[in-house]
């Protein structure tokens, strides 16, 4: 991820130090939670990941409109993930699809969405 974002070794060391509170400058020494937070931070800097997140939100929005919600109005991610697992046959939940895979997933979900509203 550092390489993809063109982050050099010095900047990488500084970033890692920040995520482990100065304990070490190597990614291999990060605790699991620190690594998870670092990955989330790096993804937020990735333009492709930002575009992928827009596509994920589009699917979640359509699911909301079809009533795929939990009590309280939150999206039923279990149902959305189940649909993704079943429909695509890749064994992936929504957040595991990458930028290149998401356009196809969005297209298929849009067809389901349109069929849903035609049936009403």
C-alpha atoms as a PDB file:
ATOM      1  CA  UNK A   1       0.000   0.000   0.000  1.00  0.00           C
ATOM      2  CA  UNK A   2       2.878   2.371   0.764  1.00  0.00           C
ATOM      3  CA  UNK A   3       4.364   1.684  -2.663  1.00  0.00           C
ATOM      4  CA  UNK A   4       1.023   2.234  -4.404  1.00  0.00           C
ATOM      5  CA  UNK A   5       0.715   5.626  -2.704  1.00  0.00           C
ATOM      6  CA  UNK A   6       4.354   6.535  -3.501  1.00  0.00           C
ATOM      7  CA  UNK A   7       5.272   6.826   0.164  1.00  0.00           C
ATOM      8  CA  UNK A   8       9.027   6.563   0.665  1.00  0.00           C
ATOM      9  CA  UNK A   9      10.791   4.699   3.453  1.00  0.00           C
ATOM     10  CA  UNK A  10      11.382   7.789   5.614  1.00  0.00           C
ATOM     11  CA  UNK A  11       7.759   8.899   5.454  1.00  0.00           C
ATOM     12  CA  UNK A  12       6.636   5.308   6.008  1.00  0.00           C
ATOM     13  CA  UNK A  13       8.743   5.075   9.170  1.00  0.00           C
ATOM     14  CA  UNK A  14       7.222   8.313  10.495  1.00  0.00           C
ATOM     15  CA  UNK A  15       3.689   7.109   9.743  1.00  0.00           C
ATOM     16  CA  UNK A  16       4.292   3.743  11.424  1.00  0.00           C
ATOM     17  CA  UNK A  17       5.822   5.449  14.469  1.00  0.00           C
ATOM     18  CA  UNK A  18       2.655   7.496  14.778  1.00  0.00           C
ATOM     19  CA  UNK A  19       0.414   4.438  14.712  1.00  0.00           C
ATOM     20  CA  UNK A  20       2.386   2.536  17.357  1.00  0.00           C
ATOM     21  CA  UNK A  21       2.960   5.559  19.622  1.00  0.00           C
ATOM     22  CA  UNK A  22       6.703   5.646  18.900  1.00  0.00           C
ATOM     23  CA  UNK A  23       7.354   2.009  19.788  1.00  0.00           C
ATOM     24  CA  UNK A  24       8.881   1.035  16.412  1.00  0.00           C
ATOM     25  CA  UNK A  25       9.194   2.232  12.827  1.00  0.00           C
ATOM     26  CA  UNK A  26       8.638  -1.181  11.217  1.00  0.00           C
ATOM     27  CA  UNK A  27       5.237  -2.408  10.046  1.00  0.00           C
ATOM     28  CA  UNK A  28       6.135  -5.914  11.166  1.00  0.00           C
ATOM     29  CA  UNK A  29       6.130  -4.755  14.788  1.00  0.00           C
ATOM     30  CA  UNK A  30       2.609  -3.324  14.739  1.00  0.00           C
ATOM     31  CA  UNK A  31      -0.056  -4.928  16.881  1.00  0.00           C
ATOM     32  CA  UNK A  32      -3.122  -6.187  15.025  1.00  0.00           C
ATOM     33  CA  UNK A  33      -5.280  -3.179  15.939  1.00  0.00           C
ATOM     34  CA  UNK A  34      -2.509  -0.735  15.015  1.00  0.00           C
ATOM     35  CA  UNK A  35      -2.085  -2.457  11.646  1.00  0.00           C
ATOM     36  CA  UNK A  36      -5.831  -2.349  11.015  1.00  0.00           C
ATOM     37  CA  UNK A  37      -5.934   1.390  11.754  1.00  0.00           C
ATOM     38  CA  UNK A  38      -2.880   2.017   9.572  1.00  0.00           C
ATOM     39  CA  UNK A  39      -4.450   0.145   6.657  1.00  0.00           C
ATOM     40  CA  UNK A  40      -7.669   2.118   7.066  1.00  0.00           C
ATOM     41  CA  UNK A  41      -5.657   5.356   7.059  1.00  0.00           C
ATOM     42  CA  UNK A  42      -3.722   4.386   3.928  1.00  0.00           C
ATOM     43  CA  UNK A  43      -6.895   3.342   2.125  1.00  0.00           C
ATOM     44  CA  UNK A  44      -8.396   6.748   2.900  1.00  0.00           C
ATOM     45  CA  UNK A  45      -5.471   8.318   0.990  1.00  0.00           C
ATOM     46  CA  UNK A  46      -5.915   6.033  -2.041  1.00  0.00           C
ATOM     47  CA  UNK A  47      -7.926   7.657  -4.873  1.00  0.00           C
ATOM     48  CA  UNK A  48      -9.020   4.235  -6.172  1.00  0.00           C
ATOM     49  CA  UNK A  49     -10.285   3.258  -2.736  1.00  0.00           C
ATOM     50  CA  UNK A  50     -12.265   6.493  -2.513  1.00  0.00           C
ATOM     51  CA  UNK A  51     -13.955   5.668  -5.833  1.00  0.00           C
ATOM     52  CA  UNK A  52     -14.591   2.113  -4.637  1.00  0.00           C
ATOM     53  CA  UNK A  53     -16.229   3.468  -1.486  1.00  0.00           C
ATOM     54  CA  UNK A  54     -18.586   5.588  -3.610  1.00  0.00           C
ATOM     55  CA  UNK A  55     -19.687   2.429  -5.449  1.00  0.00           C
ATOM     56  CA  UNK A  56     -20.186   0.544  -2.173  1.00  0.00           C
ATOM     57  CA  UNK A  57     -22.308   3.401  -0.839  1.00  0.00           C
ATOM     58  CA  UNK A  58     -24.392   3.309  -4.016  1.00  0.00           C
ATOM     59  CA  UNK A  59     -25.222  -0.357  -3.390  1.00  0.00           C
ATOM     60  CA  UNK A  60     -26.030   0.352   0.258  1.00  0.00           C
ATOM     61  CA  UNK A  61     -28.272   3.258  -0.768  1.00  0.00           C
ATOM     62  CA  UNK A  62     -30.229   1.109  -3.229  1.00  0.00           C
ATOM     63  CA  UNK A  63     -30.541  -1.614  -0.580  1.00  0.00           C
ATOM     64  CA  UNK A  64     -31.988   0.988   1.824  1.00  0.00           C
ATOM     65  CA  UNK A  65     -34.562   2.003  -0.770  1.00  0.00           C
ATOM     66  CA  UNK A  66     -35.578  -1.650  -1.174  1.00  0.00           C
ATOM     67  CA  UNK A  67     -36.096  -1.939   2.581  1.00  0.00           C
ATOM     68  CA  UNK A  68     -32.968  -3.935   3.369  1.00  0.00           C
ATOM     69  CA  UNK A  69     -32.721  -2.280   6.765  1.00  0.00           C
ATOM     70  CA  UNK A  70     -32.447  -3.219  10.386  1.00  0.00           C
ATOM     71  CA  UNK A  71     -34.770  -1.757  13.002  1.00  0.00           C
ATOM     72  CA  UNK A  72     -33.533   1.786  13.500  1.00  0.00           C
ATOM     73  CA  UNK A  73     -32.832   2.365   9.815  1.00  0.00           C
ATOM     74  CA  UNK A  74     -29.282   1.039   9.465  1.00  0.00           C
ATOM     75  CA  UNK A  75     -28.497  -0.934   6.327  1.00  0.00           C
ATOM     76  CA  UNK A  76     -28.789  -4.691   6.751  1.00  0.00           C
ATOM     77  CA  UNK A  77     -25.161  -5.436   5.916  1.00  0.00           C
ATOM     78  CA  UNK A  78     -25.624  -9.132   6.654  1.00  0.00           C
ATOM     79  CA  UNK A  79     -28.259  -9.301   3.911  1.00  0.00           C
ATOM     80  CA  UNK A  80     -26.160  -7.206   1.507  1.00  0.00           C
ATOM     81  CA  UNK A  81     -23.070  -9.328   2.197  1.00  0.00           C
ATOM     82  CA  UNK A  82     -25.126 -12.498   1.752  1.00  0.00           C
ATOM     83  CA  UNK A  83     -26.334 -11.242  -1.616  1.00  0.00           C
ATOM     84  CA  UNK A  84     -22.754 -10.437  -2.662  1.00  0.00           C
ATOM     85  CA  UNK A  85     -21.539 -13.875  -1.572  1.00  0.00           C
ATOM     86  CA  UNK A  86     -24.336 -15.626  -3.441  1.00  0.00           C
ATOM     87  CA  UNK A  87     -24.545 -13.470  -6.555  1.00  0.00           C
ATOM     88  CA  UNK A  88     -20.921 -13.091  -7.537  1.00  0.00           C
ATOM     89  CA  UNK A  89     -19.643 -16.519  -6.518  1.00  0.00           C
ATOM     90  CA  UNK A  90     -16.337 -15.038  -5.393  1.00  0.00           C
ATOM     91  CA  UNK A  91     -16.836 -15.659  -1.686  1.00  0.00           C
ATOM     92  CA  UNK A  92     -16.537 -11.954  -0.886  1.00  0.00           C
ATOM     93  CA  UNK A  93     -18.567  -9.567   1.215  1.00  0.00           C
ATOM     94  CA  UNK A  94     -19.266  -6.049  -0.088  1.00  0.00           C
ATOM     95  CA  UNK A  95     -16.264  -4.399   1.568  1.00  0.00           C
ATOM     96  CA  UNK A  96     -13.913  -7.054   0.193  1.00  0.00           C
ATOM     97  CA  UNK A  97     -14.591  -6.164  -3.450  1.00  0.00           C
ATOM     98  CA  UNK A  98     -11.898  -4.015  -5.001  1.00  0.00           C
ATOM     99  CA  UNK A  99     -12.198  -1.078  -7.355  1.00  0.00           C
ATOM    100  CA  UNK A 100     -11.974  -3.224 -10.497  1.00  0.00           C
ATOM    101  CA  UNK A 101     -14.661  -5.688  -9.347  1.00  0.00           C
ATOM    102  CA  UNK A 102     -17.195  -3.180  -8.058  1.00  0.00           C
ATOM    103  CA  UNK A 103     -18.567  -1.808 -11.370  1.00  0.00           C
ATOM    104  CA  UNK A 104     -19.874  -5.268 -12.297  1.00  0.00           C
ATOM    105  CA  UNK A 105     -21.356  -5.720  -8.825  1.00  0.00           C
ATOM    106  CA  UNK A 106     -23.069  -2.308  -8.988  1.00  0.00           C
ATOM    107  CA  UNK A 107     -24.457  -3.128 -12.430  1.00  0.00           C
ATOM    108  CA  UNK A 108     -25.948  -6.425 -11.254  1.00  0.00           C
ATOM    109  CA  UNK A 109     -27.375  -4.807  -8.119  1.00  0.00           C
ATOM    110  CA  UNK A 110     -28.954  -2.038 -10.209  1.00  0.00           C
ATOM    111  CA  UNK A 111     -30.815  -4.710 -12.196  1.00  0.00           C
ATOM    112  CA  UNK A 112     -32.127  -6.221  -8.948  1.00  0.00           C
ATOM    113  CA  UNK A 113     -33.089  -2.730  -7.786  1.00  0.00           C
ATOM    114  CA  UNK A 114     -34.985  -1.955 -11.006  1.00  0.00           C
ATOM    115  CA  UNK A 115     -36.763  -5.328 -10.931  1.00  0.00           C
ATOM    116  CA  UNK A 116     -37.782  -4.665  -7.338  1.00  0.00           C
ATOM    117  CA  UNK A 117     -39.472  -1.385  -8.239  1.00  0.00           C
ATOM    118  CA  UNK A 118     -41.059  -2.749 -11.416  1.00  0.00           C
ATOM    119  CA  UNK A 119     -42.742  -5.419  -9.288  1.00  0.00           C
ATOM    120  CA  UNK A 120     -44.380  -2.810  -7.063  1.00  0.00           C
END
